[in-house]
Amino acid sequence: VQLQASGGGLVQPGGSLRLSCAASGIIFSIYDMEWYRQAPGKQRELVATISSGGSTYYADSVKGRFTISRDNAKNTVYLQMNSLKPEDTAVYYCKGQSSWYGGYWGQGTQVTVSS
């Protein structure tokens, strides 16, 4: 099983980034997919989720700015991040979660929002 996150980088406040997480070794379509982030010195926090059926959830801190989506044909989940703020700076992780098969984490991708 592998979840490969990509798309992070350095962006100015107000800018946008799109993160991708490509999964292999799992039946992607049955997994709920999740994005977390961890800022330096802070606990990892849930950012957004998308269920196998397409239902979404967002943390209050990103609601209206971030959009999670999935492409089951490509085994990939995305996180479109707009209007980025310095407080969005963190390492972002994707996770696949199944009530039958458990959860798998991807490696992180760094997002830095700074002028």
PDB file of N, CA and C in Angstrom:
ATOM      1  N   VAL A   1       0.854  -1.187   0.000  1.00  0.00           N
ATOM      2  CA  VAL A   1       0.000   0.000   0.000  1.00  0.00           C
ATOM      3  C   VAL A   1       0.890   1.238   0.000  1.00  0.00           C
ATOM      4  N   GLN A   2       0.538   2.173  -0.856  1.00  0.00           N
ATOM      5  CA  GLN A   2       1.291   3.420  -0.906  1.00  0.00           C
ATOM      6  C   GLN A   2       0.349   4.577  -1.193  1.00  0.00           C
ATOM      7  N   LEU A   3       0.492   5.633  -0.395  1.00  0.00           N
ATOM      8  CA  LEU A   3      -0.207   6.883  -0.635  1.00  0.00           C
ATOM      9  C   LEU A   3       0.862   7.950  -0.827  1.00  0.00           C
ATOM     10  N   GLN A   4       0.918   8.506  -2.022  1.00  0.00           N
ATOM     11  CA  GLN A   4       1.961   9.445  -2.392  1.00  0.00           C
ATOM     12  C   GLN A   4       1.378  10.840  -2.523  1.00  0.00           C
ATOM     13  N   ALA A   5       1.701  11.687  -1.549  1.00  0.00           N
ATOM     14  CA  ALA A   5       1.227  13.073  -1.567  1.00  0.00           C
ATOM     15  C   ALA A   5       2.216  13.958  -2.310  1.00  0.00           C
ATOM     16  N   SER A   6       1.678  14.941  -3.017  1.00  0.00           N
ATOM     17  CA  SER A   6       2.522  15.874  -3.757  1.00  0.00           C
ATOM     18  C   SER A   6       1.794  17.203  -3.906  1.00  0.00           C
ATOM     19  N   GLY A   7       2.522  18.211  -4.390  1.00  0.00           N
ATOM     20  CA  GLY A   7       1.902  19.488  -4.675  1.00  0.00           C
ATOM     21  C   GLY A   7       2.205  20.595  -3.691  1.00  0.00           C
ATOM     22  N   GLY A   8       2.890  20.283  -2.627  1.00  0.00           N
ATOM     23  CA  GLY A   8       3.234  21.312  -1.660  1.00  0.00           C
ATOM     24  C   GLY A   8       4.277  22.271  -2.207  1.00  0.00           C
ATOM     25  N   GLY A   9       4.509  23.329  -1.445  1.00  0.00           N
ATOM     26  CA  GLY A   9       5.507  24.302  -1.870  1.00  0.00           C
ATOM     27  C   GLY A   9       5.384  25.585  -1.090  1.00  0.00           C
ATOM     28  N   LEU A  10       6.071  26.595  -1.596  1.00  0.00           N
ATOM     29  CA  LEU A  10       6.054  27.922  -0.989  1.00  0.00           C
ATOM     30  C   LEU A  10       5.111  28.812  -1.787  1.00  0.00           C
ATOM     31  N   VAL A  11       4.213  29.474  -1.090  1.00  0.00           N
ATOM     32  CA  VAL A  11       3.246  30.341  -1.758  1.00  0.00           C
ATOM     33  C   VAL A  11       3.039  31.587  -0.906  1.00  0.00           C
ATOM     34  N   GLN A  12       2.727  32.694  -1.561  1.00  0.00           N
ATOM     35  CA  GLN A  12       2.462  33.927  -0.830  1.00  0.00           C
ATOM     36  C   GLN A  12       1.067  33.912  -0.234  1.00  0.00           C
ATOM     37  N   PRO A  13       0.865  34.665   0.832  1.00  0.00           N
ATOM     38  CA  PRO A  13      -0.503  34.777   1.389  1.00  0.00           C
ATOM     39  C   PRO A  13      -1.496  35.199   0.311  1.00  0.00           C
ATOM     40  N   GLY A  14      -2.648  34.562   0.327  1.00  0.00           N
ATOM     41  CA  GLY A  14      -3.663  34.817  -0.688  1.00  0.00           C
ATOM     42  C   GLY A  14      -3.550  33.926  -1.900  1.00  0.00           C
ATOM     43  N   GLY A  15      -2.465  33.183  -1.985  1.00  0.00           N
ATOM     44  CA  GLY A  15      -2.242  32.322  -3.133  1.00  0.00           C
ATOM     45  C   GLY A  15      -2.964  30.980  -3.018  1.00  0.00           C
ATOM     46  N   SER A  16      -2.715  30.132  -4.005  1.00  0.00           N
ATOM     47  CA  SER A  16      -3.383  28.838  -4.079  1.00  0.00           C
ATOM     48  C   SER A  16      -2.378  27.717  -4.332  1.00  0.00           C
ATOM     49  N   LEU A  17      -2.740  26.551  -3.867  1.00  0.00           N
ATOM     50  CA  LEU A  17      -2.005  25.327  -4.163  1.00  0.00           C
ATOM     51  C   LEU A  17      -3.013  24.200  -4.297  1.00  0.00           C
ATOM     52  N   ARG A  18      -2.659  23.191  -5.076  1.00  0.00           N
ATOM     53  CA  ARG A  18      -3.475  21.983  -5.135  1.00  0.00           C
ATOM     54  C   ARG A  18      -2.611  20.790  -4.758  1.00  0.00           C
ATOM     55  N   LEU A  19      -3.003  20.122  -3.684  1.00  0.00           N
ATOM     56  CA  LEU A  19      -2.321  18.917  -3.259  1.00  0.00           C
ATOM     57  C   LEU A  19      -2.986  17.707  -3.906  1.00  0.00           C
ATOM     58  N   SER A  20      -2.172  16.698  -4.202  1.00  0.00           N
ATOM     59  CA  SER A  20      -2.668  15.437  -4.738  1.00  0.00           C
ATOM     60  C   SER A  20      -2.159  14.306  -3.866  1.00  0.00           C
ATOM     61  N   CYS A  21      -2.925  13.249  -3.803  1.00  0.00           N
ATOM     62  CA  CYS A  21      -2.503  12.045  -3.083  1.00  0.00           C
ATOM     63  C   CYS A  21      -2.930  10.852  -3.928  1.00  0.00           C
ATOM     64  N   ALA A  22      -1.952  10.194  -4.510  1.00  0.00           N
ATOM     65  CA  ALA A  22      -2.210   9.044  -5.370  1.00  0.00           C
ATOM     66  C   ALA A  22      -2.042   7.753  -4.570  1.00  0.00           C
ATOM     67  N   ALA A  23      -3.033   6.911  -4.625  1.00  0.00           N
ATOM     68  CA  ALA A  23      -3.024   5.678  -3.842  1.00  0.00           C
ATOM     69  C   ALA A  23      -2.803   4.465  -4.739  1.00  0.00           C
ATOM     70  N   SER A  24      -2.116   3.505  -4.186  1.00  0.00           N
ATOM     71  CA  SER A  24      -1.939   2.220  -4.865  1.00  0.00           C
ATOM     72  C   SER A  24      -1.975   1.109  -3.828  1.00  0.00           C
ATOM     73  N   GLY A  25      -2.404  -0.053  -4.247  1.00  0.00           N
ATOM     74  CA  GLY A  25      -2.449  -1.191  -3.348  1.00  0.00           C
ATOM     75  C   GLY A  25      -3.701  -1.293  -2.510  1.00  0.00           C
ATOM     76  N   ILE A  26      -4.667  -0.391  -2.742  1.00  0.00           N
ATOM     77  CA  ILE A  26      -5.942  -0.456  -2.038  1.00  0.00           C
ATOM     78  C   ILE A  26      -7.073  -0.326  -3.053  1.00  0.00           C
ATOM     79  N   ILE A  27      -8.255  -0.760  -2.643  1.00  0.00           N
ATOM     80  CA  ILE A  27      -9.445  -0.546  -3.465  1.00  0.00           C
ATOM     81  C   ILE A  27      -9.908   0.863  -3.163  1.00  0.00           C
ATOM     82  N   PHE A  28      -9.360   1.801  -3.900  1.00  0.00           N
ATOM     83  CA  PHE A  28      -9.485   3.227  -3.562  1.00  0.00           C
ATOM     84  C   PHE A  28     -10.941   3.647  -3.394  1.00  0.00           C
ATOM     85  N   SER A  29     -11.809   3.145  -4.231  1.00  0.00           N
ATOM     86  CA  SER A  29     -13.185   3.639  -4.255  1.00  0.00           C
ATOM     87  C   SER A  29     -13.958   3.357  -2.977  1.00  0.00           C
ATOM     88  N   ILE A  30     -13.519   2.411  -2.177  1.00  0.00           N
ATOM     89  CA  ILE A  30     -14.264   2.090  -0.964  1.00  0.00           C
ATOM     90  C   ILE A  30     -13.717   2.799   0.262  1.00  0.00           C
ATOM     91  N   TYR A  31     -12.624   3.516   0.067  1.00  0.00           N
ATOM     92  CA  TYR A  31     -11.996   4.205   1.192  1.00  0.00           C
ATOM     93  C   TYR A  31     -12.506   5.633   1.329  1.00  0.00           C
ATOM     94  N   ASP A  32     -12.757   6.041   2.581  1.00  0.00           N
ATOM     95  CA  ASP A  32     -12.882   7.454   2.885  1.00  0.00           C
ATOM     96  C   ASP A  32     -11.469   8.042   2.848  1.00  0.00           C
ATOM     97  N   MET A  33     -11.349   9.209   2.259  1.00  0.00           N
ATOM     98  CA  MET A  33     -10.034   9.828   2.150  1.00  0.00           C
ATOM     99  C   MET A  33     -10.000  11.108   2.973  1.00  0.00           C
ATOM    100  N   GLU A  34      -8.868  11.360   3.601  1.00  0.00           N
ATOM    101  CA  GLU A  34      -8.753  12.452   4.565  1.00  0.00           C
ATOM    102  C   GLU A  34      -7.438  13.203   4.351  1.00  0.00           C
ATOM    103  N   TRP A  35      -7.496  14.499   4.610  1.00  0.00           N
ATOM    104  CA  TRP A  35      -6.289  15.310   4.658  1.00  0.00           C
ATOM    105  C   TRP A  35      -6.124  15.826   6.085  1.00  0.00           C
ATOM    106  N   TYR A  36      -4.917  15.697   6.598  1.00  0.00           N
ATOM    107  CA  TYR A  36      -4.535  16.236   7.894  1.00  0.00           C
ATOM    108  C   TYR A  36      -3.367  17.203   7.674  1.00  0.00           C
ATOM    109  N   ARG A  37      -3.097  17.979   8.703  1.00  0.00           N
ATOM    110  CA  ARG A  37      -1.908  18.817   8.667  1.00  0.00           C
ATOM    111  C   ARG A  37      -1.312  18.907  10.071  1.00  0.00           C
ATOM    112  N   GLN A  38      -0.025  19.153  10.089  1.00  0.00           N
ATOM    113  CA  GLN A  38       0.679  19.306  11.361  1.00  0.00           C
ATOM    114  C   GLN A  38       1.660  20.450  11.240  1.00  0.00           C
ATOM    115  N   ALA A  39       1.411  21.474  12.029  1.00  0.00           N
ATOM    116  CA  ALA A  39       2.301  22.626  12.073  1.00  0.00           C
ATOM    117  C   ALA A  39       3.365  22.380  13.142  1.00  0.00           C
ATOM    118  N   PRO A  40       4.500  23.058  13.047  1.00  0.00           N
ATOM    119  CA  PRO A  40       5.568  22.860  14.028  1.00  0.00           C
ATOM    120  C   PRO A  40       5.080  23.103  15.444  1.00  0.00           C
ATOM    121  N   GLY A  41       5.330  22.160  16.322  1.00  0.00           N
ATOM    122  CA  GLY A  41       4.971  22.307  17.715  1.00  0.00           C
ATOM    123  C   GLY A  41       3.504  22.083  18.020  1.00  0.00           C
ATOM    124  N   LYS A  42       2.743  21.665  17.007  1.00  0.00           N
ATOM    125  CA  LYS A  42       1.308  21.455  17.222  1.00  0.00           C
ATOM    126  C   LYS A  42       0.922  20.016  16.898  1.00  0.00           C
ATOM    127  N   GLN A  43      -0.226  19.629  17.371  1.00  0.00           N
ATOM    128  CA  GLN A  43      -0.731  18.294  17.071  1.00  0.00           C
ATOM    129  C   GLN A  43      -1.274  18.239  15.639  1.00  0.00           C
ATOM    130  N   ARG A  44      -1.246  17.032  15.101  1.00  0.00           N
ATOM    131  CA  ARG A  44      -1.823  16.828  13.789  1.00  0.00           C
ATOM    132  C   ARG A  44      -3.336  17.063  13.870  1.00  0.00           C
ATOM    133  N   GLU A  45      -3.883  17.788  12.897  1.00  0.00           N
ATOM    134  CA  GLU A  45      -5.307  18.094  12.911  1.00  0.00           C
ATOM    135  C   GLU A  45      -5.958  17.710  11.591  1.00  0.00           C
ATOM    136  N   LEU A  46      -7.220  17.322  11.692  1.00  0.00           N
ATOM    137  CA  LEU A  46      -7.994  16.971  10.510  1.00  0.00           C
ATOM    138  C   LEU A  46      -8.371  18.240   9.754  1.00  0.00           C
ATOM    139  N   VAL A  47      -8.158  18.219   8.455  1.00  0.00           N
ATOM    140  CA  VAL A  47      -8.463  19.375   7.623  1.00  0.00           C
ATOM    141  C   VAL A  47      -9.744  19.145   6.827  1.00  0.00           C
ATOM    142  N   ALA A  48      -9.834  18.021   6.144  1.00  0.00           N
ATOM    143  CA  ALA A  48     -10.987  17.751   5.278  1.00  0.00           C
ATOM    144  C   ALA A  48     -11.087  16.262   5.040  1.00  0.00           C
ATOM    145  N   THR A  49     -12.319  15.821   4.789  1.00  0.00           N
ATOM    146  CA  THR A  49     -12.542  14.426   4.449  1.00  0.00           C
ATOM    147  C   THR A  49     -13.515  14.326   3.285  1.00  0.00           C
ATOM    148  N   ILE A  50     -13.409  13.239   2.552  1.00  0.00           N
ATOM    149  CA  ILE A  50     -14.391  12.907   1.524  1.00  0.00           C
ATOM    150  C   ILE A  50     -14.666  11.415   1.627  1.00  0.00           C
ATOM    151  N   SER A  51     -15.938  11.102   1.773  1.00  0.00           N
ATOM    152  CA  SER A  51     -16.306   9.704   1.948  1.00  0.00           C
ATOM    153  C   SER A  51     -16.258   8.960   0.623  1.00  0.00           C
ATOM    154  N   SER A  52     -16.401   7.659   0.718  1.00  0.00           N
ATOM    155  CA  SER A  52     -16.446   6.856  -0.501  1.00  0.00           C
ATOM    156  C   SER A  52     -17.626   7.251  -1.374  1.00  0.00           C
ATOM    157  N   GLY A  53     -18.653   7.779  -0.733  1.00  0.00           N
ATOM    158  CA  GLY A  53     -19.834   8.213  -1.475  1.00  0.00           C
ATOM    159  C   GLY A  53     -19.785   9.655  -1.926  1.00  0.00           C
ATOM    160  N   GLY A  54     -18.738  10.368  -1.541  1.00  0.00           N
ATOM    161  CA  GLY A  54     -18.568  11.738  -1.991  1.00  0.00           C
ATOM    162  C   GLY A  54     -18.962  12.817  -1.002  1.00  0.00           C
ATOM    163  N   SER A  55     -19.416  12.437   0.186  1.00  0.00           N
ATOM    164  CA  SER A  55     -19.751  13.445   1.194  1.00  0.00           C
ATOM    165  C   SER A  55     -18.474  14.070   1.732  1.00  0.00           C
ATOM    166  N   THR A  56     -18.532  15.355   1.987  1.00  0.00           N
ATOM    167  CA  THR A  56     -17.337  16.072   2.421  1.00  0.00           C
ATOM    168  C   THR A  56     -17.527  16.702   3.799  1.00  0.00           C
ATOM    169  N   TYR A  57     -16.390  16.917   4.437  1.00  0.00           N
ATOM    170  CA  TYR A  57     -16.340  17.604   5.734  1.00  0.00           C
ATOM    171  C   TYR A  57     -15.120  18.506   5.722  1.00  0.00           C
ATOM    172  N   TYR A  58     -15.261  19.685   6.330  1.00  0.00           N
ATOM    173  CA  TYR A  58     -14.141  20.621   6.434  1.00  0.00           C
ATOM    174  C   TYR A  58     -14.025  21.133   7.857  1.00  0.00           C
ATOM    175  N   ALA A  59     -12.803  21.301   8.300  1.00  0.00           N
ATOM    176  CA  ALA A  59     -12.565  21.991   9.549  1.00  0.00           C
ATOM    177  C   ALA A  59     -12.995  23.447   9.392  1.00  0.00           C
ATOM    178  N   ASP A  60     -13.457  24.043  10.477  1.00  0.00           N
ATOM    179  CA  ASP A  60     -13.930  25.421  10.410  1.00  0.00           C
ATOM    180  C   ASP A  60     -12.853  26.366   9.886  1.00  0.00           C
ATOM    181  N   SER A  61     -11.615  26.068  10.202  1.00  0.00           N
ATOM    182  CA  SER A  61     -10.522  26.967   9.839  1.00  0.00           C
ATOM    183  C   SER A  61     -10.272  27.035   8.327  1.00  0.00           C
ATOM    184  N   VAL A  62     -10.772  26.055   7.587  1.00  0.00           N
ATOM    185  CA  VAL A  62     -10.518  26.027   6.141  1.00  0.00           C
ATOM    186  C   VAL A  62     -11.804  26.100   5.322  1.00  0.00           C
ATOM    187  N   LYS A  63     -12.931  26.081   5.984  1.00  0.00           N
ATOM    188  CA  LYS A  63     -14.214  26.061   5.289  1.00  0.00           C
ATOM    189  C   LYS A  63     -14.347  27.305   4.402  1.00  0.00           C
ATOM    190  N   GLY A  64     -14.756  27.084   3.172  1.00  0.00           N
ATOM    191  CA  GLY A  64     -14.894  28.183   2.227  1.00  0.00           C
ATOM    192  C   GLY A  64     -13.624  28.508   1.468  1.00  0.00           C
ATOM    193  N   ARG A  65     -12.491  27.947   1.886  1.00  0.00           N
ATOM    194  CA  ARG A  65     -11.214  28.218   1.203  1.00  0.00           C
ATOM    195  C   ARG A  65     -10.638  26.958   0.565  1.00  0.00           C
ATOM    196  N   PHE A  66     -10.871  25.811   1.200  1.00  0.00           N
ATOM    197  CA  PHE A  66     -10.311  24.554   0.715  1.00  0.00           C
ATOM    198  C   PHE A  66     -11.434  23.696   0.130  1.00  0.00           C
ATOM    199  N   THR A  67     -11.099  22.910  -0.871  1.00  0.00           N
ATOM    200  CA  THR A  67     -12.041  21.976  -1.471  1.00  0.00           C
ATOM    201  C   THR A  67     -11.368  20.622  -1.654  1.00  0.00           C
ATOM    202  N   ILE A  68     -11.993  19.592  -1.098  1.00  0.00           N
ATOM    203  CA  ILE A  68     -11.489  18.238  -1.263  1.00  0.00           C
ATOM    204  C   ILE A  68     -12.309  17.556  -2.361  1.00  0.00           C
ATOM    205  N   SER A  69     -11.627  16.770  -3.173  1.00  0.00           N
ATOM    206  CA  SER A  69     -12.301  16.031  -4.240  1.00  0.00           C
ATOM    207  C   SER A  69     -11.546  14.737  -4.496  1.00  0.00           C
ATOM    208  N   ARG A  70     -12.165  13.847  -5.242  1.00  0.00           N
ATOM    209  CA  ARG A  70     -11.512  12.577  -5.531  1.00  0.00           C
ATOM    210  C   ARG A  70     -11.820  12.159  -6.961  1.00  0.00           C
ATOM    211  N   ASP A  71     -10.906  11.412  -7.544  1.00  0.00           N
ATOM    212  CA  ASP A  71     -11.082  10.832  -8.858  1.00  0.00           C
ATOM    213  C   ASP A  71     -10.807   9.346  -8.711  1.00  0.00           C
ATOM    214  N   ASN A  72     -11.849   8.565  -8.625  1.00  0.00           N
ATOM    215  CA  ASN A  72     -11.679   7.130  -8.386  1.00  0.00           C
ATOM    216  C   ASN A  72     -11.006   6.435  -9.571  1.00  0.00           C
ATOM    217  N   ALA A  73     -11.180   6.980 -10.763  1.00  0.00           N
ATOM    218  CA  ALA A  73     -10.535   6.391 -11.934  1.00  0.00           C
ATOM    219  C   ALA A  73      -9.017   6.536 -11.871  1.00  0.00           C
ATOM    220  N   LYS A  74      -8.558   7.569 -11.180  1.00  0.00           N
ATOM    221  CA  LYS A  74      -7.114   7.822 -11.052  1.00  0.00           C
ATOM    222  C   LYS A  74      -6.590   7.453  -9.672  1.00  0.00           C
ATOM    223  N   ASN A  75      -7.452   6.921  -8.792  1.00  0.00           N
ATOM    224  CA  ASN A  75      -7.050   6.572  -7.425  1.00  0.00           C
ATOM    225  C   ASN A  75      -6.371   7.743  -6.723  1.00  0.00           C
ATOM    226  N   THR A  76      -6.959   8.911  -6.889  1.00  0.00           N
ATOM    227  CA  THR A  76      -6.321  10.125  -6.382  1.00  0.00           C
ATOM    228  C   THR A  76      -7.336  11.007  -5.667  1.00  0.00           C
ATOM    229  N   VAL A  77      -6.886  11.589  -4.565  1.00  0.00           N
ATOM    230  CA  VAL A  77      -7.663  12.587  -3.835  1.00  0.00           C
ATOM    231  C   VAL A  77      -6.910  13.905  -3.925  1.00  0.00           C
ATOM    232  N   TYR A  78      -7.664  14.991  -4.002  1.00  0.00           N
ATOM    233  CA  TYR A  78      -7.082  16.319  -4.156  1.00  0.00           C
ATOM    234  C   TYR A  78      -7.511  17.225  -3.009  1.00  0.00           C
ATOM    235  N   LEU A  79      -6.696  18.226  -2.762  1.00  0.00           N
ATOM    236  CA  LEU A  79      -7.072  19.296  -1.844  1.00  0.00           C
ATOM    237  C   LEU A  79      -6.709  20.605  -2.520  1.00  0.00           C
ATOM    238  N   GLN A  80      -7.721  21.306  -2.988  1.00  0.00           N
ATOM    239  CA  GLN A  80      -7.529  22.628  -3.579  1.00  0.00           C
ATOM    240  C   GLN A  80      -7.556  23.648  -2.448  1.00  0.00           C
ATOM    241  N   MET A  81      -6.484  24.395  -2.328  1.00  0.00           N
ATOM    242  CA  MET A  81      -6.354  25.355  -1.237  1.00  0.00           C
ATOM    243  C   MET A  81      -6.243  26.752  -1.831  1.00  0.00           C
ATOM    244  N   ASN A  82      -7.215  27.575  -1.522  1.00  0.00           N
ATOM    245  CA  ASN A  82      -7.251  28.956  -1.996  1.00  0.00           C
ATOM    246  C   ASN A  82      -7.163  29.925  -0.829  1.00  0.00           C
ATOM    247  N   SER A  83      -6.874  31.158  -1.129  1.00  0.00           N
ATOM    248  CA  SER A  83      -6.793  32.207  -0.102  1.00  0.00           C
ATOM    249  C   SER A  83      -5.942  31.755   1.073  1.00  0.00           C
ATOM    250  N   LEU A  84      -4.792  31.242   0.765  1.00  0.00           N
ATOM    251  CA  LEU A  84      -3.930  30.684   1.805  1.00  0.00           C
ATOM    252  C   LEU A  84      -3.435  31.755   2.764  1.00  0.00           C
ATOM    253  N   LYS A  85      -3.305  31.344   4.015  1.00  0.00           N
ATOM    254  CA  LYS A  85      -2.867  32.221   5.092  1.00  0.00           C
ATOM    255  C   LYS A  85      -1.587  31.659   5.706  1.00  0.00           C
ATOM    256  N   PRO A  86      -0.807  32.497   6.348  1.00  0.00           N
ATOM    257  CA  PRO A  86       0.401  31.981   7.014  1.00  0.00           C
ATOM    258  C   PRO A  86       0.093  30.854   7.997  1.00  0.00           C
ATOM    259  N   GLU A  87      -1.043  30.903   8.639  1.00  0.00           N
ATOM    260  CA  GLU A  87      -1.401  29.858   9.604  1.00  0.00           C
ATOM    261  C   GLU A  87      -1.755  28.527   8.939  1.00  0.00           C
ATOM    262  N   ASP A  88      -1.824  28.491   7.618  1.00  0.00           N
ATOM    263  CA  ASP A  88      -1.995  27.228   6.907  1.00  0.00           C
ATOM    264  C   ASP A  88      -0.665  26.495   6.723  1.00  0.00           C
ATOM    265  N   THR A  89       0.418  27.136   7.086  1.00  0.00           N
ATOM    266  CA  THR A  89       1.728  26.504   6.961  1.00  0.00           C
ATOM    267  C   THR A  89       1.801  25.253   7.819  1.00  0.00           C
ATOM    268  N   ALA A  90       2.140  24.146   7.199  1.00  0.00           N
ATOM    269  CA  ALA A  90       2.178  22.859   7.896  1.00  0.00           C
ATOM    270  C   ALA A  90       2.648  21.785   6.918  1.00  0.00           C
ATOM    271  N   VAL A  91       2.916  20.627   7.470  1.00  0.00           N
ATOM    272  CA  VAL A  91       3.076  19.439   6.636  1.00  0.00           C
ATOM    273  C   VAL A  91       1.690  18.810   6.484  1.00  0.00           C
ATOM    274  N   TYR A  92       1.304  18.563   5.256  1.00  0.00           N
ATOM    275  CA  TYR A  92      -0.014  18.014   4.966  1.00  0.00           C
ATOM    276  C   TYR A  92       0.112  16.525   4.639  1.00  0.00           C
ATOM    277  N   TYR A  93      -0.763  15.744   5.261  1.00  0.00           N
ATOM    278  CA  TYR A  93      -0.758  14.290   5.099  1.00  0.00           C
ATOM    279  C   TYR A  93      -2.108  13.821   4.570  1.00  0.00           C
ATOM    280  N   CYS A  94      -2.084  12.833   3.700  1.00  0.00           N
ATOM    281  CA  CYS A  94      -3.335  12.191   3.308  1.00  0.00           C
ATOM    282  C   CYS A  94      -3.443  10.849   4.020  1.00  0.00           C
ATOM    283  N   LYS A  95      -4.688  10.425   4.167  1.00  0.00           N
ATOM    284  CA  LYS A  95      -4.957   9.155   4.836  1.00  0.00           C
ATOM    285  C   LYS A  95      -6.152   8.488   4.177  1.00  0.00           C
ATOM    286  N   GLY A  96      -6.038   7.200   3.966  1.00  0.00           N
ATOM    287  CA  GLY A  96      -7.158   6.410   3.500  1.00  0.00           C
ATOM    288  C   GLY A  96      -7.718   5.616   4.663  1.00  0.00           C
ATOM    289  N   GLN A  97      -9.023   5.671   4.839  1.00  0.00           N
ATOM    290  CA  GLN A  97      -9.635   5.018   6.002  1.00  0.00           C
ATOM    291  C   GLN A  97     -10.800   4.138   5.562  1.00  0.00           C
ATOM    292  N   SER A  98     -10.749   2.889   5.998  1.00  0.00           N
ATOM    293  CA  SER A  98     -11.820   1.937   5.715  1.00  0.00           C
ATOM    294  C   SER A  98     -12.228   1.242   6.999  1.00  0.00           C
ATOM    295  N   SER A  99     -13.533   1.107   7.217  1.00  0.00           N
ATOM    296  CA  SER A  99     -14.012   0.400   8.410  1.00  0.00           C
ATOM    297  C   SER A  99     -13.672  -1.087   8.334  1.00  0.00           C
ATOM    298  N   TRP A 100     -13.434  -1.584   7.145  1.00  0.00           N
ATOM    299  CA  TRP A 100     -13.095  -2.998   6.986  1.00  0.00           C
ATOM    300  C   TRP A 100     -11.593  -3.249   7.048  1.00  0.00           C
ATOM    301  N   TYR A 101     -10.819  -2.361   6.441  1.00  0.00           N
ATOM    302  CA  TYR A 101      -9.394  -2.652   6.259  1.00  0.00           C
ATOM    303  C   TYR A 101      -8.471  -1.730   7.039  1.00  0.00           C
ATOM    304  N   GLY A 102      -9.045  -0.808   7.801  1.00  0.00           N
ATOM    305  CA  GLY A 102      -8.197   0.066   8.601  1.00  0.00           C
ATOM    306  C   GLY A 102      -7.740   1.291   7.830  1.00  0.00           C
ATOM    307  N   GLY A 103      -6.676   1.917   8.338  1.00  0.00           N
ATOM    308  CA  GLY A 103      -6.215   3.172   7.758  1.00  0.00           C
ATOM    309  C   GLY A 103      -4.777   3.112   7.306  1.00  0.00           C
ATOM    310  N   TYR A 104      -4.483   3.914   6.290  1.00  0.00           N
ATOM    311  CA  TYR A 104      -3.129   4.024   5.769  1.00  0.00           C
ATOM    312  C   TYR A 104      -2.781   5.505   5.604  1.00  0.00           C
ATOM    313  N   TRP A 105      -1.588   5.847   6.048  1.00  0.00           N
ATOM    314  CA  TRP A 105      -1.103   7.221   5.934  1.00  0.00           C
ATOM    315  C   TRP A 105      -0.139   7.336   4.752  1.00  0.00           C
ATOM    316  N   GLY A 106      -0.187   8.494   4.131  1.00  0.00           N
ATOM    317  CA  GLY A 106       0.822   8.832   3.153  1.00  0.00           C
ATOM    318  C   GLY A 106       1.931   9.623   3.811  1.00  0.00           C
ATOM    319  N   GLN A 107       2.989   9.855   3.066  1.00  0.00           N
ATOM    320  CA  GLN A 107       4.045  10.728   3.580  1.00  0.00           C
ATOM    321  C   GLN A 107       3.566  12.170   3.443  1.00  0.00           C
ATOM    322  N   GLY A 108       4.136  13.058   4.162  1.00  0.00           N
ATOM    323  CA  GLY A 108       3.677  14.442   4.150  1.00  0.00           C
ATOM    324  C   GLY A 108       4.237  15.246   2.992  1.00  0.00           C
ATOM    325  N   THR A 109       3.580  16.360   2.732  1.00  0.00           N
ATOM    326  CA  THR A 109       4.087  17.336   1.780  1.00  0.00           C
ATOM    327  C   THR A 109       4.034  18.709   2.455  1.00  0.00           C
ATOM    328  N   GLN A 110       5.125  19.436   2.363  1.00  0.00           N
ATOM    329  CA  GLN A 110       5.236  20.706   3.085  1.00  0.00           C
ATOM    330  C   GLN A 110       4.532  21.825   2.329  1.00  0.00           C
ATOM    331  N   VAL A 111       3.719  22.568   3.048  1.00  0.00           N
ATOM    332  CA  VAL A 111       3.097  23.789   2.523  1.00  0.00           C
ATOM    333  C   VAL A 111       3.558  24.947   3.389  1.00  0.00           C
ATOM    334  N   THR A 112       4.158  25.934   2.756  1.00  0.00           N
ATOM    335  CA  THR A 112       4.631  27.115   3.454  1.00  0.00           C
ATOM    336  C   THR A 112       3.994  28.344   2.836  1.00  0.00           C
ATOM    337  N   VAL A 113       3.311  29.116   3.663  1.00  0.00           N
ATOM    338  CA  VAL A 113       2.656  30.339   3.198  1.00  0.00           C
ATOM    339  C   VAL A 113       3.387  31.521   3.831  1.00  0.00           C
ATOM    340  N   SER A 114       4.084  32.242   2.998  1.00  0.00           N
ATOM    341  CA  SER A 114       4.921  33.326   3.503  1.00  0.00           C
ATOM    342  C   SER A 114       5.212  34.316   2.394  1.00  0.00           C
ATOM    343  N   SER A 115       5.354  35.573   2.794  1.00  0.00           N
ATOM    344  CA  SER A 115       5.738  36.604   1.830  1.00  0.00           C
ATOM    345  C   SER A 115       7.245  36.804   1.831  1.00  0.00           C
TER     346      SER A 115
END
